[in-house]
N, C-alpha and C. Protein backbone atom coordinates (compact mmCIF):
# COMPACT_ATOMS: atom_id res chain seq x y z
N UNK A 1 8.43 -4.58 -9.63
CA UNK A 1 8.80 -5.82 -8.63
C UNK A 1 7.75 -5.88 -7.69
N UNK A 2 7.26 -7.06 -7.68
CA UNK A 2 6.10 -7.34 -6.49
C UNK A 2 6.81 -7.25 -5.14
N UNK A 3 5.88 -6.70 -4.28
CA UNK A 3 6.07 -6.57 -2.81
C UNK A 3 4.88 -6.72 -2.06
N UNK A 4 5.04 -7.51 -0.94
CA UNK A 4 3.79 -7.83 0.00
C UNK A 4 3.55 -6.75 0.70
N UNK A 5 2.13 -6.59 0.95
CA UNK A 5 1.64 -5.30 1.67
C UNK A 5 1.75 -5.66 3.29
N UNK A 6 2.33 -4.65 4.05
CA UNK A 6 2.63 -4.97 5.36
C UNK A 6 1.58 -4.18 6.49
N UNK A 7 0.95 -3.13 5.63
CA UNK A 7 0.13 -2.37 6.51
C UNK A 7 -0.45 -1.10 5.70
N UNK A 8 -1.34 -0.64 6.25
CA UNK A 8 -2.15 0.61 5.69
C UNK A 8 -2.09 1.96 6.57
N UNK A 9 -2.13 3.13 5.91
CA UNK A 9 -2.60 4.25 6.79
C UNK A 9 -2.93 5.05 5.69
N UNK A 10 -3.56 6.06 6.18
CA UNK A 10 -4.28 7.16 5.22
C UNK A 10 -3.35 8.55 5.31
N UNK A 11 -3.35 9.24 4.21
CA UNK A 11 -2.30 10.17 3.76
C UNK A 11 -3.08 11.42 4.21
N UNK A 12 -2.55 12.79 4.08
CA UNK A 12 -3.18 14.02 4.50
C UNK A 12 -4.35 14.38 3.71
N UNK A 13 -4.87 13.58 2.64
CA UNK A 13 -5.80 13.89 1.71
C UNK A 13 -7.07 12.74 2.02
N UNK A 14 -6.72 12.12 3.28
CA UNK A 14 -7.77 10.84 3.41
C UNK A 14 -7.89 9.75 2.61
N UNK A 15 -6.66 9.56 1.65
CA UNK A 15 -6.75 8.72 0.73
C UNK A 15 -5.73 7.35 1.66
N UNK A 16 -6.22 6.11 1.14
CA UNK A 16 -5.63 4.83 1.72
C UNK A 16 -3.94 4.65 1.00
N UNK A 17 -3.23 4.43 1.56
CA UNK A 17 -1.71 3.99 1.31
C UNK A 17 -1.53 2.66 1.83
N UNK A 18 -0.94 1.98 0.91
CA UNK A 18 -0.58 0.46 1.29
C UNK A 18 1.08 0.79 1.74
N UNK A 19 1.35 0.25 2.81
CA UNK A 19 2.83 0.08 3.35
C UNK A 19 3.50 -1.26 2.88
N UNK A 20 4.45 -1.41 2.08
CA UNK A 20 5.15 -2.54 1.40
C UNK A 20 6.29 -2.89 2.03
N UNK A 21 6.65 -4.26 2.08
CA UNK A 21 7.81 -4.75 2.68
C UNK A 21 9.03 -4.31 2.58
N UNK A 22 9.05 -3.64 1.20
CA UNK A 22 10.39 -3.03 0.70
C UNK A 22 10.67 -1.66 1.29
N UNK A 23 9.60 -1.08 1.97
CA UNK A 23 9.58 0.12 2.61
C UNK A 23 9.25 1.34 1.71
N UNK A 24 8.57 0.86 0.80
CA UNK A 24 7.85 1.98 0.01
C UNK A 24 6.35 2.07 0.16
N UNK A 25 5.99 3.17 0.09
CA UNK A 25 4.49 3.42 0.18
C UNK A 25 3.73 3.38 -1.36
N UNK A 26 2.52 2.93 -1.50
CA UNK A 26 1.58 3.09 -2.73
C UNK A 26 0.46 3.33 -2.25
N UNK A 27 -0.27 4.46 -2.93
CA UNK A 27 -1.77 4.83 -2.84
C UNK A 27 -2.49 3.44 -3.35
N UNK A 28 -3.67 3.11 -2.83
CA UNK A 28 -4.62 2.19 -3.15
C UNK A 28 -5.92 2.71 -3.01
N UNK A 29 -6.15 3.76 -4.12
CA UNK A 29 -7.48 4.21 -3.93
C UNK A 29 -8.52 3.50 -4.77
N UNK A 30 -9.73 3.78 -4.00
CA UNK A 30 -11.18 3.25 -4.58
C UNK A 30 -11.89 4.60 -5.24
N UNK A 31 -11.77 4.61 -6.62
CA UNK A 31 -12.27 5.64 -7.35
C UNK A 31 -12.96 5.35 -8.45
N UNK A 32 -14.22 4.82 -8.35
CA UNK A 32 -14.90 4.48 -9.63
C UNK A 32 -15.13 5.57 -10.44
N UNK A 33 -15.31 5.54 -11.82
CA UNK A 33 -15.06 4.08 -12.37
C UNK A 33 -13.56 4.06 -12.85
N UNK A 34 -12.55 4.85 -12.52
CA UNK A 34 -11.30 4.69 -12.91
C UNK A 34 -10.47 3.71 -12.21
N UNK A 35 -10.50 3.77 -10.91
CA UNK A 35 -9.80 3.04 -9.99
C UNK A 35 -10.72 2.01 -9.17
N UNK A 36 -10.73 1.00 -9.40
CA UNK A 36 -11.85 -0.13 -8.57
C UNK A 36 -11.00 -0.95 -7.70
N UNK A 37 -11.08 -0.49 -6.39
CA UNK A 37 -10.55 -1.29 -5.29
C UNK A 37 -11.53 -1.23 -4.20
N UNK A 38 -12.33 -1.77 -4.35
CA UNK A 38 -13.69 -1.61 -2.99
C UNK A 38 -13.12 -2.18 -1.85
N UNK A 39 -12.03 -3.17 -1.91
CA UNK A 39 -11.31 -3.63 -0.46
C UNK A 39 -10.93 -2.76 0.42
N UNK A 40 -10.30 -1.47 -0.14
CA UNK A 40 -9.95 -0.72 0.76
C UNK A 40 -10.98 0.38 1.55
N UNK A 41 -12.14 -0.08 1.21
CA UNK A 41 -13.05 0.83 1.87
C UNK A 41 -13.44 0.36 3.57
N UNK A 42 -13.12 -1.15 3.98
CA UNK A 42 -13.38 -1.56 4.97
C UNK A 42 -11.98 -2.19 5.84
N UNK A 43 -12.13 -1.96 7.17
CA UNK A 43 -11.09 -2.63 7.77
C UNK A 43 -10.76 -3.98 7.52
N UNK A 44 -11.88 -4.59 7.47
CA UNK A 44 -11.83 -6.35 7.34
C UNK A 44 -11.21 -6.75 5.99
N UNK A 45 -11.65 -5.77 5.04
CA UNK A 45 -10.91 -6.29 3.80
C UNK A 45 -9.69 -5.86 3.58
N UNK A 46 -9.42 -4.69 4.02
CA UNK A 46 -7.99 -4.27 4.13
C UNK A 46 -7.19 -5.20 4.75
N UNK A 47 -7.37 -5.94 5.84
CA UNK A 47 -6.85 -6.94 6.48
C UNK A 47 -6.52 -8.01 5.89
N UNK A 48 -7.62 -8.19 5.03
CA UNK A 48 -7.58 -9.59 4.42
C UNK A 48 -6.28 -9.37 3.09
N UNK A 49 -6.15 -8.32 2.85
CA UNK A 49 -4.93 -7.96 1.83
C UNK A 49 -3.55 -8.09 2.34
N UNK A 50 -3.39 -8.15 3.62
CA UNK A 50 -2.24 -8.10 4.30
C UNK A 50 -1.40 -9.48 3.85
N UNK A 51 -0.06 -9.16 3.18
CA UNK A 51 0.65 -10.37 2.63
C UNK A 51 0.52 -10.50 1.28
N UNK A 52 -0.71 -9.75 0.56
CA UNK A 52 -0.80 -9.84 -0.74
C UNK A 52 0.32 -8.87 -1.42
N UNK A 53 0.58 -9.27 -2.66
CA UNK A 53 1.65 -8.62 -3.55
C UNK A 53 0.95 -7.42 -4.23
N UNK A 54 1.72 -6.33 -4.31
CA UNK A 54 1.44 -5.12 -5.33
C UNK A 54 2.84 -4.97 -6.07
N UNK A 55 2.45 -4.51 -7.44
CA UNK A 55 3.76 -4.26 -8.14
C UNK A 55 4.37 -2.70 -7.74
N UNK A 56 5.58 -2.79 -7.22
CA UNK A 56 6.38 -1.67 -6.75
C UNK A 56 7.33 -0.92 -7.93
N UNK A 57 6.63 -0.06 -8.62
CA UNK A 57 7.60 0.85 -9.33
C UNK A 57 8.56 1.62 -8.91
N UNK A 58 8.60 1.99 -7.43
CA UNK A 58 9.67 2.60 -6.97
C UNK A 58 10.77 1.69 -6.83
N UNK A 59 10.49 0.23 -6.39
CA UNK A 59 11.60 -0.81 -6.48
C UNK A 59 12.32 -0.76 -7.77
N UNK A 60 11.35 -0.82 -8.73
CA UNK A 60 11.73 -0.93 -10.20
C UNK A 60 12.73 0.40 -10.68
N UNK A 61 12.44 1.35 -10.35
CA UNK A 61 13.36 2.72 -10.41
C UNK A 61 14.74 2.80 -9.09
N UNK A 62 14.50 1.96 -8.38
CA UNK A 62 15.64 1.81 -7.25
C UNK A 62 15.54 3.34 -6.42
N UNK A 63 14.21 3.46 -6.21
CA UNK A 63 14.18 4.76 -5.21
C UNK A 63 14.50 4.39 -3.90
N UNK A 64 14.67 5.49 -2.98
CA UNK A 64 14.92 5.27 -1.38
C UNK A 64 13.57 4.88 -0.67
N UNK A 65 13.56 4.35 0.09
CA UNK A 65 12.51 3.93 1.03
C UNK A 65 11.88 5.06 1.42
N UNK A 66 10.44 4.92 1.53
CA UNK A 66 9.58 5.94 2.35
C UNK A 66 9.56 5.65 3.58
N UNK A 67 9.90 4.74 4.34
CA UNK A 67 9.93 4.33 5.66
C UNK A 67 10.73 3.23 5.85
N UNK A 68 11.17 2.97 7.30
CA UNK A 68 11.86 1.59 7.73
C UNK A 68 10.99 0.51 7.97
N UNK A 69 10.71 -0.31 7.44
CA UNK A 69 9.81 -1.55 7.78
C UNK A 69 10.19 -2.01 9.02
N UNK A 70 11.60 -2.27 9.45
CA UNK A 70 11.65 -2.63 10.64
C UNK A 70 11.41 -2.08 11.88
N UNK A 71 10.99 -0.66 11.59
CA UNK A 71 10.61 0.13 12.74
C UNK A 71 9.28 0.05 13.04
N UNK A 72 8.27 -0.61 12.13
CA UNK A 72 6.96 -0.58 12.13
C UNK A 72 6.34 -1.06 13.83
N UNK A 73 5.32 -0.41 14.13
CA UNK A 73 4.81 -0.84 15.51
C UNK A 73 4.25 -2.26 15.50
């Protein structure tokens, strides 16, 4: 199920994580040549992705939320 990106944060290993409107988190790594997401490398390009949709496999599996999206700052 596709869900819009509402924010980003870094995890404990310094990798970028997209926060989705459904309350799930999803890693969005740029790790060439396997993962090509150069847009995660700058703040401006991450901001340009807000509202864009990502496929949420956690929604597909009916997993509980990682965070409450209504409590975001």
